[in-house]
N, C-alpha and C. Protein backbone atom coordinates (compact mmCIF):
# COMPACT_ATOMS: atom_id res chain seq x y z
N MET A 1 15.85 -13.62 1.63
CA MET A 1 15.55 -13.36 0.23
C MET A 1 14.90 -11.99 0.16
N GLU A 2 15.40 -11.19 -0.73
CA GLU A 2 14.88 -9.86 -0.97
C GLU A 2 14.14 -9.77 -2.25
N ARG A 3 12.98 -9.18 -2.27
CA ARG A 3 12.17 -9.03 -3.47
C ARG A 3 12.00 -7.57 -3.81
N SER A 4 11.84 -7.27 -5.05
CA SER A 4 11.54 -5.86 -5.41
C SER A 4 10.26 -5.92 -6.26
N PHE A 5 9.54 -4.86 -6.23
CA PHE A 5 8.24 -4.77 -6.87
C PHE A 5 8.18 -3.51 -7.77
N ALA A 6 7.67 -3.70 -8.96
CA ALA A 6 7.40 -2.56 -9.85
C ALA A 6 5.95 -2.11 -9.68
N GLN A 7 5.09 -3.09 -9.28
CA GLN A 7 3.67 -2.83 -9.04
C GLN A 7 3.23 -3.38 -7.70
N VAL A 8 2.14 -2.85 -7.19
CA VAL A 8 1.59 -3.32 -5.95
C VAL A 8 1.13 -4.76 -6.07
N ALA A 9 1.66 -5.60 -5.15
CA ALA A 9 1.29 -7.06 -5.13
C ALA A 9 1.46 -7.54 -3.70
N PHE A 10 1.09 -8.77 -3.45
CA PHE A 10 1.25 -9.34 -2.10
C PHE A 10 2.70 -9.27 -1.68
N GLY A 11 2.97 -8.70 -0.51
CA GLY A 11 4.32 -8.58 0.02
C GLY A 11 4.95 -7.24 -0.21
N SER A 12 4.29 -6.36 -0.99
CA SER A 12 4.94 -5.07 -1.26
C SER A 12 4.64 -4.04 -0.17
N LEU A 13 5.54 -3.09 -0.08
CA LEU A 13 5.37 -1.92 0.82
C LEU A 13 5.07 -0.77 -0.10
N VAL A 14 3.93 -0.12 0.18
CA VAL A 14 3.47 0.97 -0.74
C VAL A 14 3.45 2.26 0.04
N THR A 15 4.21 3.25 -0.45
CA THR A 15 4.22 4.59 0.10
C THR A 15 3.33 5.47 -0.73
N THR A 16 2.35 6.11 -0.08
CA THR A 16 1.47 7.03 -0.77
C THR A 16 1.53 8.39 -0.12
N ASP A 17 0.86 9.34 -0.73
CA ASP A 17 0.83 10.68 -0.11
C ASP A 17 -0.13 10.71 1.08
N GLN A 18 -0.81 9.61 1.37
CA GLN A 18 -1.74 9.50 2.48
C GLN A 18 -1.27 8.51 3.55
N GLY A 19 -0.21 7.81 3.34
CA GLY A 19 0.27 6.84 4.34
C GLY A 19 1.07 5.71 3.69
N VAL A 20 1.51 4.81 4.51
CA VAL A 20 2.28 3.66 4.09
C VAL A 20 1.54 2.40 4.36
N TYR A 21 1.46 1.51 3.32
CA TYR A 21 0.70 0.26 3.41
C TYR A 21 1.60 -0.91 3.13
N PHE A 22 1.46 -1.95 3.95
CA PHE A 22 2.14 -3.23 3.72
C PHE A 22 1.06 -4.21 3.27
N ILE A 23 1.23 -4.73 2.05
CA ILE A 23 0.22 -5.62 1.49
C ILE A 23 0.52 -7.06 1.92
N ALA A 24 -0.26 -7.53 2.86
CA ALA A 24 -0.06 -8.90 3.40
C ALA A 24 -1.40 -9.39 3.93
N ILE A 25 -1.50 -9.50 5.24
CA ILE A 25 -2.75 -9.87 5.85
C ILE A 25 -3.29 -8.61 6.58
N GLY A 26 -4.60 -8.56 6.71
CA GLY A 26 -5.19 -7.38 7.33
C GLY A 26 -5.05 -7.30 8.80
N LEU A 27 -4.06 -6.57 9.28
CA LEU A 27 -3.83 -6.35 10.70
C LEU A 27 -4.19 -4.96 11.16
N GLY A 28 -4.37 -4.06 10.20
CA GLY A 28 -4.63 -2.66 10.54
C GLY A 28 -3.35 -1.91 10.82
N PRO A 29 -3.43 -0.82 11.58
CA PRO A 29 -2.25 -0.03 11.84
C PRO A 29 -1.25 -0.73 12.74
N VAL A 30 0.03 -0.70 12.38
CA VAL A 30 1.12 -1.25 13.20
C VAL A 30 2.23 -0.21 13.28
N GLN A 31 2.90 -0.18 14.38
CA GLN A 31 4.03 0.74 14.57
C GLN A 31 5.30 0.10 14.11
N VAL A 32 6.06 0.75 13.21
CA VAL A 32 7.30 0.29 12.76
C VAL A 32 8.29 1.47 12.87
N ALA A 33 9.30 1.28 13.74
CA ALA A 33 10.33 2.31 13.97
C ALA A 33 9.69 3.68 14.28
N GLY A 34 8.63 3.63 15.05
CA GLY A 34 7.97 4.88 15.48
C GLY A 34 7.01 5.48 14.44
N ASN A 35 6.85 4.82 13.33
CA ASN A 35 5.91 5.29 12.29
C ASN A 35 4.75 4.32 12.15
N THR A 36 3.65 4.82 11.72
CA THR A 36 2.45 3.96 11.50
C THR A 36 2.46 3.43 10.05
N CYS A 37 2.28 2.14 9.97
CA CYS A 37 2.17 1.43 8.67
C CYS A 37 0.87 0.61 8.75
N TYR A 38 0.11 0.63 7.68
CA TYR A 38 -1.16 -0.09 7.68
C TYR A 38 -0.98 -1.43 6.97
N ALA A 39 -1.11 -2.50 7.65
CA ALA A 39 -1.04 -3.86 7.09
C ALA A 39 -2.42 -4.19 6.58
N ILE A 40 -2.54 -4.31 5.25
CA ILE A 40 -3.85 -4.58 4.65
C ILE A 40 -3.72 -5.77 3.66
N SER A 41 -4.84 -6.36 3.41
CA SER A 41 -4.85 -7.48 2.44
C SER A 41 -5.33 -6.97 1.06
N LEU A 42 -4.98 -7.74 0.04
CA LEU A 42 -5.44 -7.42 -1.32
C LEU A 42 -6.94 -7.51 -1.44
N ALA A 43 -7.57 -8.25 -0.51
CA ALA A 43 -9.02 -8.43 -0.56
C ALA A 43 -9.78 -7.23 0.04
N SER A 44 -9.07 -6.34 0.76
CA SER A 44 -9.67 -5.16 1.33
C SER A 44 -10.04 -4.18 0.23
N PRO A 45 -11.02 -3.31 0.47
CA PRO A 45 -11.37 -2.32 -0.58
C PRO A 45 -10.19 -1.49 -1.11
N ILE A 46 -9.36 -0.98 -0.19
CA ILE A 46 -8.23 -0.18 -0.70
C ILE A 46 -7.17 -1.10 -1.31
N GLY A 47 -7.04 -2.30 -0.79
CA GLY A 47 -6.08 -3.25 -1.41
C GLY A 47 -6.45 -3.60 -2.83
N GLN A 48 -7.76 -3.73 -3.09
CA GLN A 48 -8.22 -4.04 -4.47
C GLN A 48 -7.91 -2.86 -5.38
N LEU A 49 -8.05 -1.65 -4.87
CA LEU A 49 -7.79 -0.50 -5.70
C LEU A 49 -6.29 -0.32 -5.95
N LEU A 50 -5.44 -0.65 -4.96
CA LEU A 50 -4.03 -0.45 -5.13
C LEU A 50 -3.37 -1.56 -5.97
N GLN A 51 -3.98 -2.73 -6.00
CA GLN A 51 -3.38 -3.87 -6.72
C GLN A 51 -3.01 -3.53 -8.14
N GLY A 52 -1.77 -3.80 -8.52
CA GLY A 52 -1.28 -3.55 -9.87
C GLY A 52 -0.82 -2.14 -10.15
N LYS A 53 -1.02 -1.23 -9.17
CA LYS A 53 -0.62 0.17 -9.42
C LYS A 53 0.89 0.27 -9.24
N ALA A 54 1.49 1.34 -9.84
CA ALA A 54 2.91 1.61 -9.78
C ALA A 54 3.10 3.06 -9.32
N ALA A 55 4.35 3.42 -9.02
CA ALA A 55 4.63 4.76 -8.58
C ALA A 55 4.15 5.77 -9.62
N GLY A 56 3.46 6.81 -9.12
CA GLY A 56 2.90 7.80 -10.01
C GLY A 56 1.42 7.58 -10.31
N ASP A 57 0.93 6.37 -10.10
CA ASP A 57 -0.50 6.08 -10.32
C ASP A 57 -1.32 6.64 -9.16
N ALA A 58 -2.59 6.87 -9.41
CA ALA A 58 -3.48 7.42 -8.36
C ALA A 58 -4.76 6.57 -8.32
N ILE A 59 -5.35 6.53 -7.13
CA ILE A 59 -6.65 5.89 -6.94
C ILE A 59 -7.58 6.87 -6.25
N SER A 60 -8.84 6.58 -6.24
CA SER A 60 -9.82 7.34 -5.48
C SER A 60 -10.40 6.44 -4.46
N PHE A 61 -10.32 6.79 -3.18
CA PHE A 61 -10.84 5.98 -2.07
C PHE A 61 -11.53 6.86 -1.09
N ASN A 62 -12.82 6.58 -0.83
CA ASN A 62 -13.61 7.36 0.11
C ASN A 62 -13.57 8.85 -0.26
N GLY A 63 -13.64 9.15 -1.54
CA GLY A 63 -13.68 10.54 -2.00
C GLY A 63 -12.36 11.23 -1.96
N LYS A 64 -11.29 10.53 -1.62
CA LYS A 64 -9.96 11.16 -1.57
C LYS A 64 -9.08 10.60 -2.68
N ARG A 65 -8.29 11.42 -3.24
CA ARG A 65 -7.33 11.00 -4.25
C ARG A 65 -6.04 10.61 -3.54
N ILE A 66 -5.58 9.40 -3.79
CA ILE A 66 -4.34 8.89 -3.18
C ILE A 66 -3.35 8.59 -4.29
N VAL A 67 -2.15 9.14 -4.19
CA VAL A 67 -1.14 8.97 -5.19
C VAL A 67 -0.06 8.02 -4.66
N VAL A 68 0.25 7.00 -5.45
CA VAL A 68 1.31 6.05 -5.07
C VAL A 68 2.61 6.73 -5.35
N GLN A 69 3.48 6.85 -4.34
CA GLN A 69 4.79 7.47 -4.46
C GLN A 69 5.89 6.46 -4.73
N ALA A 70 5.79 5.29 -4.08
CA ALA A 70 6.82 4.26 -4.26
C ALA A 70 6.23 2.90 -3.95
N VAL A 71 6.75 1.88 -4.63
CA VAL A 71 6.38 0.48 -4.35
C VAL A 71 7.71 -0.29 -4.14
N GLU A 72 7.83 -0.87 -2.99
CA GLU A 72 9.05 -1.64 -2.69
C GLU A 72 8.73 -3.08 -2.38
C-alpha cells in the first residue's frame, strides 16, 4: 500500500534544506542507500514543530530556520 502526504504526519518522509526526516519512531540517524535519514517521532521537539507542515513551510529549531522542501 502506497500513501501520499500533503502535510507532515506519521509515516511521511520529509525533505528539508537541513536534512531528511522519516516520521515514525525515534531511531535517530539511519543510512538509506548511502544517505543519512533521521527517523524521528512526532513526540520529539522537531517532530512537534514539523507536524502539519507542508512543502514551502518553515520552522525554527535551535535557532536555525528549516524549510520543508517536500513531504512524501
